[in-house]
Amino acid sequence: MKKIINSEKITNIYSDWKPSDIAFIKSLEWSNYNLLIIFYCQLRENISGWPDSSKNFFEVSATFKSISSLKIDFNGSGLH
């Protein structure tokens, strides 16, 4: 697996940020073997009641390049 580049753009602002802080997917865009995913993230102070819609979210854009095969599977009945 390749290293995630430019994550310091997030951690310079939110030093405690982790990829697991992704709360919602705003959009998925597939074109020419590239996938752009825009996420809403929110730092976790505790797991209970997270994500908290009364607190701020920030957007993270991630581009995955040269993808030859893609499968996205959403399970469950709640928000994804």
PDB file of N, CA and C in Angstrom:
ATOM      1  N   MET A   1       0.849  -1.169   0.000  1.00  0.00           N
ATOM      2  CA  MET A   1       0.000   0.000   0.000  1.00  0.00           C
ATOM      3  C   MET A   1       0.901   1.241   0.000  1.00  0.00           C
ATOM      4  N   LYS A   2       0.534   2.203  -0.805  1.00  0.00           N
ATOM      5  CA  LYS A   2       1.321   3.429  -0.889  1.00  0.00           C
ATOM      6  C   LYS A   2       1.048   4.340   0.295  1.00  0.00           C
ATOM      7  N   LYS A   3       2.041   5.156   0.602  1.00  0.00           N
ATOM      8  CA  LYS A   3       1.934   6.117   1.692  1.00  0.00           C
ATOM      9  C   LYS A   3       0.954   7.232   1.321  1.00  0.00           C
ATOM     10  N   ILE A   4       0.218   7.695   2.303  1.00  0.00           N
ATOM     11  CA  ILE A   4      -0.670   8.839   2.096  1.00  0.00           C
ATOM     12  C   ILE A   4       0.194  10.094   2.112  1.00  0.00           C
ATOM     13  N   ILE A   5       0.140  10.856   1.034  1.00  0.00           N
ATOM     14  CA  ILE A   5       0.942  12.076   0.963  1.00  0.00           C
ATOM     15  C   ILE A   5       0.082  13.287   1.301  1.00  0.00           C
ATOM     16  N   ASN A   6       0.721  14.321   1.761  1.00  0.00           N
ATOM     17  CA  ASN A   6       0.099  15.606   2.092  1.00  0.00           C
ATOM     18  C   ASN A   6      -0.825  15.559   3.299  1.00  0.00           C
ATOM     19  N   SER A   7      -0.764  14.493   4.100  1.00  0.00           N
ATOM     20  CA  SER A   7      -1.604  14.458   5.302  1.00  0.00           C
ATOM     21  C   SER A   7      -1.174  15.521   6.307  1.00  0.00           C
ATOM     22  N   GLU A   8       0.048  16.014   6.164  1.00  0.00           N
ATOM     23  CA  GLU A   8       0.511  17.083   7.056  1.00  0.00           C
ATOM     24  C   GLU A   8      -0.292  18.369   6.868  1.00  0.00           C
ATOM     25  N   LYS A   9      -0.955  18.524   5.730  1.00  0.00           N
ATOM     26  CA  LYS A   9      -1.824  19.691   5.538  1.00  0.00           C
ATOM     27  C   LYS A   9      -2.961  19.684   6.551  1.00  0.00           C
ATOM     28  N   ILE A  10      -3.362  18.502   6.974  1.00  0.00           N
ATOM     29  CA  ILE A  10      -4.397  18.380   7.999  1.00  0.00           C
ATOM     30  C   ILE A  10      -3.770  18.421   9.384  1.00  0.00           C
ATOM     31  N   THR A  11      -2.724  17.611   9.592  1.00  0.00           N
ATOM     32  CA  THR A  11      -2.146  17.497  10.937  1.00  0.00           C
ATOM     33  C   THR A  11      -1.438  18.773  11.385  1.00  0.00           C
ATOM     34  N   ASN A  12      -1.060  19.645  10.459  1.00  0.00           N
ATOM     35  CA  ASN A  12      -0.507  20.944  10.866  1.00  0.00           C
ATOM     36  C   ASN A  12      -1.567  21.808  11.538  1.00  0.00           C
ATOM     37  N   ILE A  13      -2.830  21.595  11.183  1.00  0.00           N
ATOM     38  CA  ILE A  13      -3.937  22.348  11.771  1.00  0.00           C
ATOM     39  C   ILE A  13      -4.557  21.582  12.929  1.00  0.00           C
ATOM     40  N   TYR A  14      -4.787  20.286  12.718  1.00  0.00           N
ATOM     41  CA  TYR A  14      -5.400  19.408  13.728  1.00  0.00           C
ATOM     42  C   TYR A  14      -4.411  18.288  14.028  1.00  0.00           C
ATOM     43  N   SER A  15      -3.512  18.520  14.971  1.00  0.00           N
ATOM     44  CA  SER A  15      -2.422  17.576  15.228  1.00  0.00           C
ATOM     45  C   SER A  15      -2.900  16.198  15.661  1.00  0.00           C
ATOM     46  N   ASP A  16      -4.088  16.102  16.238  1.00  0.00           N
ATOM     47  CA  ASP A  16      -4.608  14.813  16.701  1.00  0.00           C
ATOM     48  C   ASP A  16      -5.425  14.081  15.645  1.00  0.00           C
ATOM     49  N   TRP A  17      -5.520  14.625  14.418  1.00  0.00           N
ATOM     50  CA  TRP A  17      -6.362  14.023  13.391  1.00  0.00           C
ATOM     51  C   TRP A  17      -5.874  12.638  13.010  1.00  0.00           C
ATOM     52  N   LYS A  18      -6.829  11.733  12.803  1.00  0.00           N
ATOM     53  CA  LYS A  18      -6.559  10.388  12.308  1.00  0.00           C
ATOM     54  C   LYS A  18      -7.567  10.101  11.190  1.00  0.00           C
ATOM     55  N   PRO A  19      -7.230   9.240  10.230  1.00  0.00           N
ATOM     56  CA  PRO A  19      -8.202   8.910   9.182  1.00  0.00           C
ATOM     57  C   PRO A  19      -9.526   8.383   9.731  1.00  0.00           C
ATOM     58  N   SER A  20      -9.515   7.817  10.920  1.00  0.00           N
ATOM     59  CA  SER A  20     -10.768   7.320  11.513  1.00  0.00           C
ATOM     60  C   SER A  20     -11.684   8.454  11.965  1.00  0.00           C
ATOM     61  N   ASP A  21     -11.224   9.698  11.888  1.00  0.00           N
ATOM     62  CA  ASP A  21     -12.062  10.851  12.227  1.00  0.00           C
ATOM     63  C   ASP A  21     -12.979  11.259  11.075  1.00  0.00           C
ATOM     64  N   ILE A  22     -12.979  10.488   9.998  1.00  0.00           N
ATOM     65  CA  ILE A  22     -13.891  10.747   8.882  1.00  0.00           C
ATOM     66  C   ILE A  22     -15.300  10.415   9.335  1.00  0.00           C
ATOM     67  N   ALA A  23     -16.178  11.402   9.278  1.00  0.00           N
ATOM     68  CA  ALA A  23     -17.542  11.225   9.778  1.00  0.00           C
ATOM     69  C   ALA A  23     -18.522  10.897   8.656  1.00  0.00           C
ATOM     70  N   PHE A  24     -18.417  11.605   7.534  1.00  0.00           N
ATOM     71  CA  PHE A  24     -19.358  11.426   6.431  1.00  0.00           C
ATOM     72  C   PHE A  24     -18.626  11.569   5.105  1.00  0.00           C
ATOM     73  N   ILE A  25     -19.148  10.916   4.089  1.00  0.00           N
ATOM     74  CA  ILE A  25     -18.657  11.116   2.728  1.00  0.00           C
ATOM     75  C   ILE A  25     -19.559  12.146   2.068  1.00  0.00           C
ATOM     76  N   LYS A  26     -18.963  13.222   1.598  1.00  0.00           N
ATOM     77  CA  LYS A  26     -19.731  14.253   0.900  1.00  0.00           C
ATOM     78  C   LYS A  26     -19.952  13.863  -0.557  1.00  0.00           C
ATOM     79  N   SER A  27     -18.878  13.396  -1.210  1.00  0.00           N
ATOM     80  CA  SER A  27     -19.023  13.031  -2.619  1.00  0.00           C
ATOM     81  C   SER A  27     -17.942  12.048  -3.045  1.00  0.00           C
ATOM     82  N   LEU A  28     -18.276  11.294  -4.086  1.00  0.00           N
ATOM     83  CA  LEU A  28     -17.355  10.389  -4.775  1.00  0.00           C
ATOM     84  C   LEU A  28     -17.371  10.786  -6.243  1.00  0.00           C
ATOM     85  N   GLU A  29     -16.198  10.935  -6.839  1.00  0.00           N
ATOM     86  CA  GLU A  29     -16.133  11.300  -8.258  1.00  0.00           C
ATOM     87  C   GLU A  29     -15.109  10.409  -8.942  1.00  0.00           C
ATOM     88  N   TRP A  30     -15.571   9.635  -9.898  1.00  0.00           N
ATOM     89  CA  TRP A  30     -14.731   8.689 -10.624  1.00  0.00           C
ATOM     90  C   TRP A  30     -14.501   9.202 -12.034  1.00  0.00           C
ATOM     91  N   SER A  31     -13.230   9.328 -12.462  1.00  0.00           N
ATOM     92  CA  SER A  31     -12.937   9.739 -13.835  1.00  0.00           C
ATOM     93  C   SER A  31     -11.532   9.299 -14.215  1.00  0.00           C
ATOM     94  N   ASN A  32     -11.394   8.747 -15.403  1.00  0.00           N
ATOM     95  CA  ASN A  32     -10.093   8.370 -15.963  1.00  0.00           C
ATOM     96  C   ASN A  32      -9.202   7.619 -14.976  1.00  0.00           C
ATOM     97  N   TYR A  33      -9.754   6.596 -14.339  1.00  0.00           N
ATOM     98  CA  TYR A  33      -9.018   5.751 -13.397  1.00  0.00           C
ATOM     99  C   TYR A  33      -8.573   6.473 -12.132  1.00  0.00           C
ATOM    100  N   ASN A  34      -9.185   7.604 -11.850  1.00  0.00           N
ATOM    101  CA  ASN A  34      -8.907   8.336 -10.616  1.00  0.00           C
ATOM    102  C   ASN A  34     -10.197   8.464  -9.815  1.00  0.00           C
ATOM    103  N   LEU A  35     -10.061   8.423  -8.512  1.00  0.00           N
ATOM    104  CA  LEU A  35     -11.210   8.559  -7.624  1.00  0.00           C
ATOM    105  C   LEU A  35     -10.949   9.719  -6.674  1.00  0.00           C
ATOM    106  N   LEU A  36     -11.864  10.669  -6.653  1.00  0.00           N
ATOM    107  CA  LEU A  36     -11.818  11.784  -5.710  1.00  0.00           C
ATOM    108  C   LEU A  36     -12.921  11.560  -4.683  1.00  0.00           C
ATOM    109  N   ILE A  37     -12.539  11.527  -3.418  1.00  0.00           N
ATOM    110  CA  ILE A  37     -13.512  11.408  -2.334  1.00  0.00           C
ATOM    111  C   ILE A  37     -13.373  12.647  -1.463  1.00  0.00           C
ATOM    112  N   ILE A  38     -14.496  13.289  -1.194  1.00  0.00           N
ATOM    113  CA  ILE A  38     -14.507  14.433  -0.281  1.00  0.00           C
ATOM    114  C   ILE A  38     -15.237  13.993   0.978  1.00  0.00           C
ATOM    115  N   PHE A  39     -14.541  14.126   2.104  1.00  0.00           N
ATOM    116  CA  PHE A  39     -15.042  13.681   3.394  1.00  0.00           C
ATOM    117  C   PHE A  39     -15.336  14.867   4.294  1.00  0.00           C
ATOM    118  N   TYR A  40     -16.297  14.698   5.185  1.00  0.00           N
ATOM    119  CA  TYR A  40     -16.467  15.598   6.318  1.00  0.00           C
ATOM    120  C   TYR A  40     -15.829  14.905   7.516  1.00  0.00           C
ATOM    121  N   CYS A  41     -14.951  15.605   8.186  1.00  0.00           N
ATOM    122  CA  CYS A  41     -14.262  15.056   9.352  1.00  0.00           C
ATOM    123  C   CYS A  41     -14.604  15.867  10.588  1.00  0.00           C
ATOM    124  N   GLN A  42     -14.484  15.212  11.721  1.00  0.00           N
ATOM    125  CA  GLN A  42     -14.701  15.882  13.001  1.00  0.00           C
ATOM    126  C   GLN A  42     -13.812  15.192  14.024  1.00  0.00           C
ATOM    127  N   LEU A  43     -13.066  15.987  14.766  1.00  0.00           N
ATOM    128  CA  LEU A  43     -12.202  15.405  15.790  1.00  0.00           C
ATOM    129  C   LEU A  43     -13.049  14.766  16.870  1.00  0.00           C
ATOM    130  N   ARG A  44     -12.566  13.648  17.382  1.00  0.00           N
ATOM    131  CA  ARG A  44     -13.296  12.914  18.419  1.00  0.00           C
ATOM    132  C   ARG A  44     -12.740  13.269  19.787  1.00  0.00           C
ATOM    133  N   GLU A  45     -13.592  13.791  20.635  1.00  0.00           N
ATOM    134  CA  GLU A  45     -13.195  13.992  22.024  1.00  0.00           C
ATOM    135  C   GLU A  45     -13.561  12.763  22.833  1.00  0.00           C
ATOM    136  N   ASN A  46     -14.639  12.117  22.444  1.00  0.00           N
ATOM    137  CA  ASN A  46     -14.990  10.802  22.966  1.00  0.00           C
ATOM    138  C   ASN A  46     -15.858  10.119  21.921  1.00  0.00           C
ATOM    139  N   ILE A  47     -16.020   8.831  22.043  1.00  0.00           N
ATOM    140  CA  ILE A  47     -16.757   8.079  21.031  1.00  0.00           C
ATOM    141  C   ILE A  47     -18.259   8.239  21.199  1.00  0.00           C
ATOM    142  N   SER A  48     -18.703   8.471  22.409  1.00  0.00           N
ATOM    143  CA  SER A  48     -20.131   8.599  22.681  1.00  0.00           C
ATOM    144  C   SER A  48     -20.701   9.831  21.983  1.00  0.00           C
ATOM    145  N   GLY A  49     -21.741   9.617  21.181  1.00  0.00           N
ATOM    146  CA  GLY A  49     -22.402  10.733  20.511  1.00  0.00           C
ATOM    147  C   GLY A  49     -21.625  11.323  19.360  1.00  0.00           C
ATOM    148  N   TRP A  50     -20.698  10.566  18.789  1.00  0.00           N
ATOM    149  CA  TRP A  50     -19.904  11.055  17.679  1.00  0.00           C
ATOM    150  C   TRP A  50     -20.463  10.488  16.388  1.00  0.00           C
ATOM    151  N   PRO A  51     -20.540  11.204  15.310  1.00  0.00           N
ATOM    152  CA  PRO A  51     -20.233  12.628  15.182  1.00  0.00           C
ATOM    153  C   PRO A  51     -21.329  13.486  15.797  1.00  0.00           C
ATOM    154  N   ASP A  52     -20.931  14.683  16.191  1.00  0.00           N
ATOM    155  CA  ASP A  52     -21.831  15.614  16.873  1.00  0.00           C
ATOM    156  C   ASP A  52     -22.197  16.733  15.904  1.00  0.00           C
ATOM    157  N   SER A  53     -23.443  16.758  15.445  1.00  0.00           N
ATOM    158  CA  SER A  53     -23.854  17.751  14.447  1.00  0.00           C
ATOM    159  C   SER A  53     -23.861  19.176  14.983  1.00  0.00           C
ATOM    160  N   SER A  54     -23.744  19.357  16.301  1.00  0.00           N
ATOM    161  CA  SER A  54     -23.698  20.707  16.861  1.00  0.00           C
ATOM    162  C   SER A  54     -22.281  21.286  16.823  1.00  0.00           C
ATOM    163  N   LYS A  55     -21.288  20.471  16.457  1.00  0.00           N
ATOM    164  CA  LYS A  55     -19.896  20.931  16.393  1.00  0.00           C
ATOM    165  C   LYS A  55     -19.450  21.044  14.944  1.00  0.00           C
ATOM    166  N   ASN A  56     -18.351  21.744  14.742  1.00  0.00           N
ATOM    167  CA  ASN A  56     -17.839  21.995  13.399  1.00  0.00           C
ATOM    168  C   ASN A  56     -17.263  20.740  12.755  1.00  0.00           C
ATOM    169  N   PHE A  57     -17.394  20.685  11.436  1.00  0.00           N
ATOM    170  CA  PHE A  57     -16.763  19.670  10.610  1.00  0.00           C
ATOM    171  C   PHE A  57     -15.753  20.381   9.718  1.00  0.00           C
ATOM    172  N   PHE A  58     -14.795  19.650   9.192  1.00  0.00           N
ATOM    173  CA  PHE A  58     -13.919  20.208   8.169  1.00  0.00           C
ATOM    174  C   PHE A  58     -13.849  19.209   7.026  1.00  0.00           C
ATOM    175  N   GLU A  59     -13.563  19.723   5.833  1.00  0.00           N
ATOM    176  CA  GLU A  59     -13.534  18.887   4.635  1.00  0.00           C
ATOM    177  C   GLU A  59     -12.127  18.422   4.330  1.00  0.00           C
ATOM    178  N   VAL A  60     -12.041  17.180   3.890  1.00  0.00           N
ATOM    179  CA  VAL A  60     -10.785  16.610   3.415  1.00  0.00           C
ATOM    180  C   VAL A  60     -11.054  16.024   2.036  1.00  0.00           C
ATOM    181  N   SER A  61     -10.214  16.367   1.078  1.00  0.00           N
ATOM    182  CA  SER A  61     -10.304  15.789  -0.263  1.00  0.00           C
ATOM    183  C   SER A  61      -9.153  14.811  -0.442  1.00  0.00           C
ATOM    184  N   ALA A  62      -9.471  13.611  -0.907  1.00  0.00           N
ATOM    185  CA  ALA A  62      -8.450  12.597  -1.154  1.00  0.00           C
ATOM    186  C   ALA A  62      -8.603  12.104  -2.584  1.00  0.00           C
ATOM    187  N   THR A  63      -7.495  12.099  -3.322  1.00  0.00           N
ATOM    188  CA  THR A  63      -7.495  11.604  -4.689  1.00  0.00           C
ATOM    189  C   THR A  63      -6.682  10.320  -4.750  1.00  0.00           C
ATOM    190  N   PHE A  64      -7.286   9.278  -5.286  1.00  0.00           N
ATOM    191  CA  PHE A  64      -6.625   8.001  -5.496  1.00  0.00           C
ATOM    192  C   PHE A  64      -6.396   7.887  -6.996  1.00  0.00           C
ATOM    193  N   LYS A  65      -5.140   7.700  -7.399  1.00  0.00           N
ATOM    194  CA  LYS A  65      -4.784   7.742  -8.816  1.00  0.00           C
ATOM    195  C   LYS A  65      -4.478   6.354  -9.368  1.00  0.00           C
ATOM    196  N   SER A  66      -4.714   6.202 -10.656  1.00  0.00           N
ATOM    197  CA  SER A  66      -4.399   4.979 -11.407  1.00  0.00           C
ATOM    198  C   SER A  66      -5.078   3.745 -10.829  1.00  0.00           C
ATOM    199  N   ILE A  67      -6.351   3.864 -10.523  1.00  0.00           N
ATOM    200  CA  ILE A  67      -7.120   2.744  -9.988  1.00  0.00           C
ATOM    201  C   ILE A  67      -7.610   1.898 -11.155  1.00  0.00           C
ATOM    202  N   SER A  68      -7.331   0.605 -11.096  1.00  0.00           N
ATOM    203  CA  SER A  68      -7.769  -0.274 -12.178  1.00  0.00           C
ATOM    204  C   SER A  68      -9.023  -1.062 -11.817  1.00  0.00           C
ATOM    205  N   SER A  69      -9.323  -1.165 -10.532  1.00  0.00           N
ATOM    206  CA  SER A  69     -10.506  -1.905 -10.098  1.00  0.00           C
ATOM    207  C   SER A  69     -11.043  -1.239  -8.841  1.00  0.00           C
ATOM    208  N   LEU A  70     -12.354  -1.066  -8.785  1.00  0.00           N
ATOM    209  CA  LEU A  70     -12.959  -0.374  -7.647  1.00  0.00           C
ATOM    210  C   LEU A  70     -14.259  -1.056  -7.261  1.00  0.00           C
ATOM    211  N   LYS A  71     -14.411  -1.312  -5.973  1.00  0.00           N
ATOM    212  CA  LYS A  71     -15.668  -1.840  -5.444  1.00  0.00           C
ATOM    213  C   LYS A  71     -15.984  -1.054  -4.185  1.00  0.00           C
ATOM    214  N   ILE A  72     -17.182  -0.499  -4.132  1.00  0.00           N
ATOM    215  CA  ILE A  72     -17.640   0.240  -2.956  1.00  0.00           C
ATOM    216  C   ILE A  72     -18.877  -0.471  -2.445  1.00  0.00           C
ATOM    217  N   ASP A  73     -18.863  -0.802  -1.171  1.00  0.00           N
ATOM    218  CA  ASP A  73     -19.949  -1.573  -0.572  1.00  0.00           C
ATOM    219  C   ASP A  73     -20.467  -0.825   0.646  1.00  0.00           C
ATOM    220  N   PHE A  74     -21.720  -0.389   0.591  1.00  0.00           N
ATOM    221  CA  PHE A  74     -22.359   0.277   1.720  1.00  0.00           C
ATOM    222  C   PHE A  74     -23.342  -0.697   2.348  1.00  0.00           C
ATOM    223  N   ASN A  75     -23.182  -0.963   3.625  1.00  0.00           N
ATOM    224  CA  ASN A  75     -24.068  -1.870   4.352  1.00  0.00           C
ATOM    225  C   ASN A  75     -24.773  -1.126   5.467  1.00  0.00           C
ATOM    226  N   GLY A  76     -25.915  -1.641   5.883  1.00  0.00           N
ATOM    227  CA  GLY A  76     -26.625  -1.048   7.006  1.00  0.00           C
ATOM    228  C   GLY A  76     -27.720  -0.108   6.553  1.00  0.00           C
ATOM    229  N   SER A  77     -28.462   0.382   7.521  1.00  0.00           N
ATOM    230  CA  SER A  77     -29.605   1.230   7.197  1.00  0.00           C
ATOM    231  C   SER A  77     -29.439   2.667   7.662  1.00  0.00           C
ATOM    232  N   GLY A  78     -28.368   2.980   8.389  1.00  0.00           N
ATOM    233  CA  GLY A  78     -28.174   4.334   8.895  1.00  0.00           C
ATOM    234  C   GLY A  78     -27.388   5.192   7.936  1.00  0.00           C
ATOM    235  N   LEU A  79     -26.912   6.306   8.431  1.00  0.00           N
ATOM    236  CA  LEU A  79     -26.076   7.195   7.626  1.00  0.00           C
ATOM    237  C   LEU A  79     -24.779   6.497   7.277  1.00  0.00           C
ATOM    238  N   HIS A  80     -24.264   6.810   6.083  1.00  0.00           N
ATOM    239  CA  HIS A  80     -22.976   6.266   5.663  1.00  0.00           C
ATOM    240  C   HIS A  80     -22.082   7.401   5.272  1.00  0.00           C
TER     241      HIS A  80
END
